[in-house]
Amino acid sequence: MVSALPALAQYQLREMDLHLHAGLELETSLDRWLDLAAADGRRVVVLLDHLELYRKSPEEYRDWLLQRPAFVTRYPMGPAGHQALLRDFAKAKERRDLTVFTAWEVSEDELDTGTQMDALALVDLVGWHISPRNGKEAPNGRHLIRRARQLRDLQQQLPVPMILFHPFTMRVENLERTAQREGRPISSITTAQYRFFQPGEQRELAELLRGRSIYVEIARESAHCMENPACREAMLADVKTLAEMGVRFTVSTDAHGPRHAQLPFRPESYCAPLGVTPSNANALVQELLARRTRSTAPRSK
């Protein structure tokens, strides 16, 4: 019999950063990086890195570093790199000013081509990078439903929380880059074109996610999207309806380095109109805290 669990902490939106890069791309020490997050008001973070970066050959890694002079050689490739990164993350979990969880960010394409299950099992949760798919069809409702079904199936093998990272802002990026490439002003994109979902798709997604440990990210870039009247109208129609149907969200900076850390993080400004509340966005944090508490709780005879 497991002893009763203590009450779990609740966080305001700007106190949560559930997508904070802290691996091969980091331009400063991990301690300083976390100091910046804490100084800007964060109290709970998910530290992660792109899993695919650890598959580079020595030559590819050397060339990658040469193009990024701010980066340093931090971790080896392959499983040795996974273990070294996660040892540093384990030390970060000892901080008293932050509650730290660990994750991988994984390309959504690996849901089609196969995943590294041994690596995924090392972390607290997995985030799936929904791509803008530039040059191809922008992500949309049918695409997200397909990915959610794949995550539901994957969780039969790997029962950890999962996040669909930044799907809505990736559609916006695709549409706006396409307009610029074609010489059209961004103002020519209509609300109907920005819309992510077709009729019925929101309900289908909400029913698919109900009772599942699968979350949808509201990225910091949403603030930029909400400044465009046509885009704002589309996001309100797409996201607020999902929130009303019970879909659970996460908030994050998706910051990669000190330059990103200097950008404002005011999730309340765009989450409130979208129906994303602290209670809604705390759901993943509460799940992670409960898992951690259960794993360390003493068992009575």
Foldseek 3Di string as FASTA:
>chain_A
DFDDFDDDDFDFQLQEAAAEEDAQLELDHPVVVVVLSVVSRHAEYEYEEALVVLVDDPVRVVVVCVVPVSGDPDAHHDPRRLVSVVVVQVVVCPDPRHHYFYEYEYELCCLVVPDDVVSRLVGQEYEYEQACPAVDQGAALVNVLVSLVSVVVVCVVVVHAYEHEDRLVSVVVNVCVVCVVVVHHSLVQALVSSARYDPPSLVSSLVSCVPGRYAYEDEQCVVVQCVRPSSVVRLLVRQLVNVVSPGAYAYHQNDSYPVSSPDDDDVCVNCVSSNHGSVRRCPNVVVSVVVVSSVPTDDDD
